Protein backbone atom coordinates (compact mmCIF):
# COMPACT_ATOMS: atom_id res chain seq x y z
CA MET A 1 -27.18 1.24 -42.68
CA SER A 2 -27.66 4.85 -42.99
CA THR A 3 -31.39 4.52 -43.23
CA PHE A 4 -31.57 2.44 -40.36
CA PHE A 5 -29.45 4.76 -38.34
CA TYR A 6 -31.67 7.70 -39.06
CA GLN A 7 -34.99 5.61 -38.42
CA THR A 8 -33.49 4.46 -35.19
CA ILE A 9 -32.73 8.21 -33.79
CA ALA A 10 -36.07 9.33 -35.28
CA ILE A 11 -38.02 6.46 -33.12
CA LEU A 12 -35.89 7.83 -30.27
CA GLY A 13 -37.27 11.30 -30.74
CA PHE A 14 -33.97 12.69 -31.64
CA THR A 15 -35.05 14.43 -34.96
CA GLU A 16 -38.25 16.22 -32.94
CA LEU A 17 -36.00 17.89 -30.44
CA PRO A 18 -34.99 21.68 -30.96
CA ARG A 19 -31.74 22.05 -33.13
CA ILE A 20 -29.85 23.55 -30.18
CA TRP A 21 -30.61 20.34 -28.09
CA GLN A 22 -29.55 18.11 -31.01
CA TRP A 23 -26.14 19.92 -31.03
CA ILE A 24 -25.68 19.29 -27.33
CA ILE A 25 -26.41 15.73 -27.33
CA VAL A 26 -24.22 15.16 -30.41
CA PHE A 27 -21.42 17.05 -28.34
CA MET A 28 -22.05 15.03 -25.41
CA VAL A 29 -21.64 11.73 -27.12
CA ILE A 30 -18.39 12.60 -29.00
CA ASN A 31 -17.04 13.91 -25.84
CA SER A 32 -17.80 10.88 -23.81
CA VAL A 33 -16.94 8.45 -26.48
CA SER A 34 -13.66 9.89 -27.88
CA ALA A 35 -12.47 10.33 -24.15
CA ALA A 36 -13.44 6.75 -23.42
CA ILE A 37 -11.29 5.70 -26.65
CA LEU A 38 -8.26 7.73 -25.86
CA ARG A 39 -8.08 7.39 -21.97
CA LYS A 40 -5.72 4.68 -21.60
CA ALA A 41 -3.26 5.92 -24.25
CA LEU A 42 -3.41 9.45 -22.59
CA ILE A 43 -2.66 7.73 -19.03
CA SER A 44 0.56 6.10 -20.48
CA ALA A 45 1.74 9.22 -22.03
CA THR A 46 1.58 11.28 -19.05
CA THR A 47 2.61 8.83 -16.24
CA ARG A 48 5.92 9.39 -15.08
CA VAL A 49 8.48 8.38 -12.31
CA HIS A 50 9.87 11.34 -10.64
CA THR A 51 13.35 11.11 -9.15
CA VAL A 52 13.13 12.80 -5.61
CA ARG A 53 16.61 11.90 -4.75
CA HIS A 54 19.01 10.14 -7.08
CA GLY A 55 20.62 7.08 -5.58
CA LYS A 56 24.46 7.10 -5.51
CA ALA A 57 27.11 4.45 -5.45
CA ASN A 58 27.40 4.54 -1.82
CA GLY A 59 23.72 3.98 -1.12
CA LYS A 60 22.15 0.90 0.57
CA ALA A 61 18.52 1.08 -0.84
CA ASP A 62 16.30 2.53 -3.33
CA PHE A 63 12.75 3.57 -2.42
CA PHE A 64 9.73 3.24 -5.08
CA GLN A 65 6.87 5.03 -3.48
CA ILE A 66 3.27 5.71 -4.65
CA CYS A 67 0.84 7.88 -2.52
CA GLY A 68 -2.95 7.68 -1.87
CA VAL A 69 -6.12 9.67 -2.75
CA GLN A 70 -5.55 13.58 -3.27
CA ASN A 71 -1.97 13.58 -2.40
CA SER A 72 1.46 13.72 -4.18
CA SER A 73 3.83 10.88 -4.25
CA ILE A 74 6.76 13.31 -4.24
CA SER A 75 5.91 15.14 -0.91
CA ALA A 76 3.85 12.76 0.82
CA PHE A 77 6.60 10.74 1.86
CA ASN A 78 9.25 13.85 2.95
CA TYR A 79 8.83 12.53 6.56
CA ILE A 80 11.30 9.87 5.69
CA LEU A 81 13.70 11.59 3.94
CA ASP A 82 16.11 12.77 6.79
CA HIS A 83 16.10 9.26 7.92
CA LEU A 84 17.56 7.48 5.01
CA HIS A 85 21.10 6.86 4.02
CA ASP A 86 22.97 9.74 2.10
CA GLY A 87 23.22 7.63 -1.12
CA ASP A 88 19.73 6.02 -0.88
CA GLY A 89 17.49 6.68 -4.19
CA VAL A 90 13.99 7.88 -3.84
CA TYR A 91 11.66 7.43 -6.81
CA ALA A 92 7.97 8.55 -6.75
CA LEU A 93 5.25 7.46 -9.20
CA CYS A 94 3.27 10.60 -10.10
CA TYR A 95 -0.37 9.79 -11.06
CA SER A 96 -2.04 10.91 -14.42
CA ASN A 97 -5.28 13.13 -14.39
CA PHE A 98 -6.43 10.97 -17.37
CA GLY A 99 -7.06 8.31 -14.72
CA PHE A 100 -5.82 5.62 -12.47
CA ASP A 101 -4.83 2.48 -14.68
CA VAL A 102 -3.24 -0.21 -12.35
CA PRO A 103 -1.27 -2.14 -15.36
CA THR A 104 0.13 1.20 -16.70
CA TYR A 105 1.28 2.28 -13.44
CA VAL A 106 2.72 -0.94 -12.48
CA THR A 107 4.78 -0.82 -15.88
CA ALA A 108 5.95 2.35 -15.31
CA MET A 109 7.16 1.33 -11.61
CA ARG A 110 8.87 -1.71 -12.95
CA LYS A 111 10.81 0.29 -15.72
CA ALA A 112 11.91 2.49 -12.98
CA VAL A 113 13.06 -0.57 -11.12
CA VAL A 114 15.16 -2.01 -14.00
CA ARG A 115 16.78 1.25 -14.84
CA ARG A 116 18.08 1.49 -11.22
CA ASN A 117 19.27 -1.97 -11.47
CA LYS A 118 20.91 -1.46 -14.98
CA GLU A 119 22.73 1.76 -13.15
CA PHE A 120 24.11 0.08 -9.98
CA LYS A 121 24.27 -3.52 -11.31
CA ARG A 122 22.01 -4.62 -8.33
CA LEU A 123 24.92 -5.13 -6.17
CA SER A 124 24.39 -4.71 -2.42
CA ARG A 125 21.04 -2.51 -2.74
CA THR A 126 17.82 -3.29 -1.33
CA THR A 127 14.56 -2.40 -3.39
CA ILE A 128 11.92 -1.28 -1.18
CA GLY A 129 8.19 -0.65 -2.41
CA HIS A 130 6.39 2.32 -0.20
CA SER A 131 2.98 2.92 -0.48
CA ILE A 132 0.09 4.88 1.25
CA SER A 133 -3.63 4.08 0.99
CA VAL A 134 -4.79 2.93 -2.57
CA GLY A 135 -1.12 3.27 -3.61
CA ASP A 136 -0.76 -0.12 -2.24
CA ILE A 137 -2.90 -1.50 -5.33
CA VAL A 138 -0.01 -0.99 -7.03
CA ILE A 139 2.73 -1.69 -4.92
CA HIS A 140 0.99 -5.05 -3.67
CA LYS A 141 0.86 -6.42 -7.63
CA MET A 142 4.78 -5.80 -7.56
CA GLU A 143 5.67 -7.70 -4.43
CA ASN A 144 8.10 -9.80 -6.33
CA ASN A 145 9.94 -6.77 -7.69
CA PHE A 146 10.89 -5.55 -4.04
CA ASP A 147 12.96 -7.00 -1.18
CA ALA A 148 10.44 -5.37 1.15
CA THR A 149 7.34 -3.23 1.19
CA PHE A 150 6.25 -0.84 3.55
CA SER A 151 2.58 0.30 3.51
CA LEU A 152 0.71 2.96 5.81
CA ASN A 153 -3.09 2.40 5.82
CA PRO A 154 -3.25 0.04 2.82
CA CYS A 155 -6.54 0.33 0.99
CA THR A 156 -5.78 -2.62 -1.37
CA TYR A 157 -9.13 -4.09 -1.64
CA GLY A 158 -12.79 -2.63 -1.48
CA PHE A 159 -13.53 -5.24 1.27
CA PHE A 160 -11.05 -3.44 3.58
CA LEU A 161 -13.61 -0.49 4.11
CA LYS A 162 -15.68 -0.18 7.25
CA GLU A 163 -19.15 -0.21 6.66
CA PRO A 164 -21.24 1.61 5.13
CA LEU A 165 -18.52 2.71 3.00
CA HIS A 166 -17.84 -1.04 1.72
CA THR A 167 -21.54 -1.49 0.70
CA LEU A 168 -21.71 2.02 -1.12
CA LEU A 169 -18.54 1.11 -3.03
CA LYS A 170 -19.77 -2.34 -3.92
CA TYR A 171 -23.09 -1.13 -5.10
CA GLY A 172 -22.33 2.43 -6.53
CA GLY A 173 -19.56 1.16 -9.09
CA PRO A 174 -21.87 1.15 -11.99
CA LEU A 175 -22.95 4.89 -11.20
CA LEU A 176 -19.22 5.76 -11.01
CA LEU A 177 -18.40 4.36 -14.20
CA ALA A 178 -21.54 5.87 -15.74
CA SER A 179 -20.36 9.13 -14.22
CA ARG A 180 -16.77 8.75 -15.56
CA PHE A 181 -18.16 8.16 -19.22
CA LEU A 182 -20.55 10.85 -19.12
CA LEU A 183 -18.04 13.43 -18.00
CA GLY A 184 -15.68 12.70 -21.07
CA TRP A 185 -13.06 15.19 -21.42
CA LEU A 186 -14.45 17.43 -18.70
CA GLY A 187 -13.63 14.81 -16.11
CA PHE A 188 -9.70 15.14 -16.88
CA ILE A 189 -9.71 18.74 -15.68
CA PRO A 190 -7.69 19.00 -12.39
CA ILE A 191 -10.25 20.88 -10.26
CA ILE A 192 -9.90 19.08 -6.94
CA PRO A 193 -7.27 20.39 -4.75
CA ASN A 194 -4.60 17.90 -3.29
CA PHE A 195 -3.44 17.93 0.29
CA ASP A 196 0.36 18.21 -0.54
CA LEU A 197 2.99 20.83 -0.53
CA GLU A 198 3.01 21.33 -4.48
CA LYS A 199 -0.68 22.72 -4.11
CA SER A 200 -1.64 20.54 -7.06
CA SER A 201 -5.04 19.19 -7.85
CA SER A 202 -6.72 16.03 -8.98
CA SER A 203 -9.14 15.36 -11.44
CA LEU A 204 -12.57 13.59 -11.27
CA ALA A 205 -11.58 10.90 -13.66
CA LEU A 206 -8.61 10.08 -11.42
CA LEU A 207 -10.52 10.15 -8.27
CA ILE A 208 -13.56 7.83 -9.76
CA ASP A 209 -10.94 5.44 -11.17
CA GLN A 210 -9.16 5.19 -7.82
CA TYR A 211 -12.23 4.09 -6.22
CA LEU A 212 -13.13 1.83 -9.19
CA ALA A 213 -9.72 0.14 -8.64
CA LEU A 214 -10.41 -0.28 -5.21
CA ARG A 215 -13.68 -1.70 -5.57
CA ASN A 216 -12.60 -4.00 -8.65
CA ASN A 217 -9.22 -5.17 -7.34
CA THR A 218 -9.28 -9.00 -6.93
CA ARG A 219 -7.46 -10.83 -4.34
CA ASP A 220 -4.29 -12.91 -5.07
CA LEU A 221 -3.78 -15.53 -2.20
CA GLY A 222 -0.15 -16.12 -3.20
CA ASP A 223 0.88 -12.60 -2.78
CA ASP A 224 -1.41 -11.88 0.23
CA ASN A 225 0.67 -14.47 2.30
CA LEU A 226 3.82 -12.83 1.48
CA PRO A 227 5.89 -10.93 4.19
CA ARG A 228 4.88 -7.38 4.30
CA ASN A 229 5.21 -4.46 6.75
CA LEU A 230 2.15 -2.57 7.31
CA ILE A 231 1.58 0.58 9.25
CA LEU A 232 -2.25 0.89 10.67
CA SER A 233 -4.02 3.78 12.28
CA GLU A 234 -5.20 2.96 15.70
CA LYS A 235 -8.53 4.74 14.91
CA ASP A 236 -8.89 4.53 11.37
CA TYR A 237 -12.19 5.97 10.15
CA LEU A 238 -11.90 4.30 6.64
CA LEU A 239 -10.32 0.87 7.21
CA ASP A 240 -11.23 -2.16 9.08
CA ASN A 241 -7.83 -3.02 10.73
CA GLU A 242 -8.99 -6.85 11.84
CA VAL A 243 -9.79 -7.47 8.18
CA VAL A 244 -6.45 -6.04 6.83
CA ARG A 245 -4.51 -8.41 9.27
CA LYS A 246 -6.52 -11.25 8.70
CA THR A 247 -6.10 -10.92 4.84
CA PHE A 248 -2.23 -10.32 5.11
CA THR A 249 -1.66 -13.24 7.17
CA GLY A 250 2.40 -13.12 6.61
CA ALA A 251 2.47 -9.48 7.42
CA HIS A 252 4.02 -7.60 10.29
CA TYR A 253 2.34 -4.59 12.12
CA ALA A 254 2.93 -1.45 13.70
CA MET A 255 0.26 0.93 15.18
CA THR A 256 0.16 4.81 14.77
CA SER A 257 -2.06 7.51 16.19
CA ASN A 258 -2.00 9.34 13.14
CA PRO A 259 -5.43 9.46 11.08
CA HIS A 260 -5.87 7.57 7.96
CA GLY A 261 -3.11 8.68 5.45
CA ASP A 262 -2.04 11.38 7.25
CA THR A 263 1.90 11.87 7.51
CA ARG A 264 1.77 15.25 9.44
CA ASN A 265 2.78 13.73 13.05
CA THR A 266 6.04 12.61 11.83
CA SER A 267 7.27 11.83 15.20
CA ASP A 268 4.69 9.14 16.07
CA LEU A 269 4.91 7.88 12.48
CA LEU A 270 8.78 7.37 12.37
CA LYS A 271 8.50 5.36 15.56
CA THR A 272 6.37 2.92 13.72
CA TYR A 273 9.19 2.56 11.22
CA TYR A 274 11.95 2.08 13.90
CA ASP A 275 9.45 -0.59 15.37
CA LEU A 276 9.22 -2.59 12.28
CA CYS A 277 12.74 -2.56 11.58
CA GLY A 278 13.66 -3.91 14.82
CA PHE A 279 14.89 -0.74 16.82
CA ARG A 280 13.86 -1.18 20.60
CA ARG A 281 14.76 2.24 21.90
CA THR A 282 12.67 5.16 22.98
CA PHE A 283 12.51 7.13 19.80
CA ARG A 284 13.22 11.12 20.12
CA PRO A 285 12.95 13.54 17.33
CA ILE A 286 16.28 14.34 15.91
CA THR A 287 15.73 18.13 16.34
CA PHE A 288 16.19 17.64 20.26
CA GLU A 289 19.16 19.63 21.50
CA VAL A 290 20.79 16.40 22.88
CA GLU A 291 22.88 14.98 19.67
CA ILE A 292 21.71 11.55 18.79
CA PRO A 293 24.60 9.47 17.29
CA GLU A 294 24.46 9.63 13.51
CA ASP A 295 24.00 5.81 13.21
CA GLU A 296 20.80 6.05 15.27
CA LYS A 297 19.19 8.80 12.89
CA ILE A 298 19.26 6.32 10.07
CA ILE A 299 16.16 3.91 10.07
CA SER A 300 17.83 0.38 9.04
CA PHE A 301 15.60 -0.57 6.21
CA TYR A 302 18.39 -2.95 4.60
CA HIS A 303 18.90 -6.40 4.91
CA HIS A 304 21.17 -7.96 7.48
CA HIS A 305 21.95 -11.85 7.79
CA GLY A 306 19.35 -12.56 5.09
CA GLY A 307 16.65 -10.12 6.16
CA PRO A 308 15.72 -7.23 8.49
CA LYS A 309 15.06 -8.16 12.12
CA ILE A 310 11.29 -7.41 12.02
CA ALA A 311 9.16 -8.15 15.15
CA LYS A 312 5.28 -9.16 14.59
CA LEU A 313 2.92 -7.21 16.76
CA ASP A 314 0.42 -9.19 18.72
């Protein structure tokens, strides 16, 4: 076997290379192969669900949230915190810079839901999945674990992308996969700044994995027909809203003027939540001098008479 190995590398010209190049190639092979072998175990070891706000006994709901590309699941949803009931819990899945592994993330979120259920005995509490962009890949696979889901600009499937982005991702998948493999351990270094308050960074491996997960995610017709609550951008540069609406046939929709995945215009974004949850009043930011009654500051995500009153937009 060893003779065959040496003959093979000799035929490939490896033995004719200068010694320095032989060492460089050996390092690259070890770097790539060892990272590929340990990648999933490292993702599992470093994935965690962070408690943003611990639920209390007087709470009505618990939110399990996950963000999109180059963001933080902790701060990306800050716009909604002041509009929840005092006892509501908020739990955020934090990405691992070793990669985006959907089964690992789904398992972590389900364990967090189970822990919450054991703590509060699952009595009179609504469980809500909350996602932004590619985070919906995880939330959508957990539809049966939630009483309701809310997704901002859901990047659930590759065919949701506008052209030419869809075609580029479809045929560029092998190149992305090869790039992740060749980078090896270097790909795990967080060097891409995120757009979040924590000033954190993402690794190339995480970003590449997110695009691959989007490309490779396969449809589940049963889940696609379930009731969902979606917030779409009026002028989304990334997603084809018509395709999204035709895919999620059982979903309810609200539109925002915010760009894709952008939560900075909180007033307009919060109005869409009021719309989805059945409020039909003029929305005013709670920072106005005129005092708004306490019960109108809270968005009613909770079930009433068998479910929230949600209107489907035309």
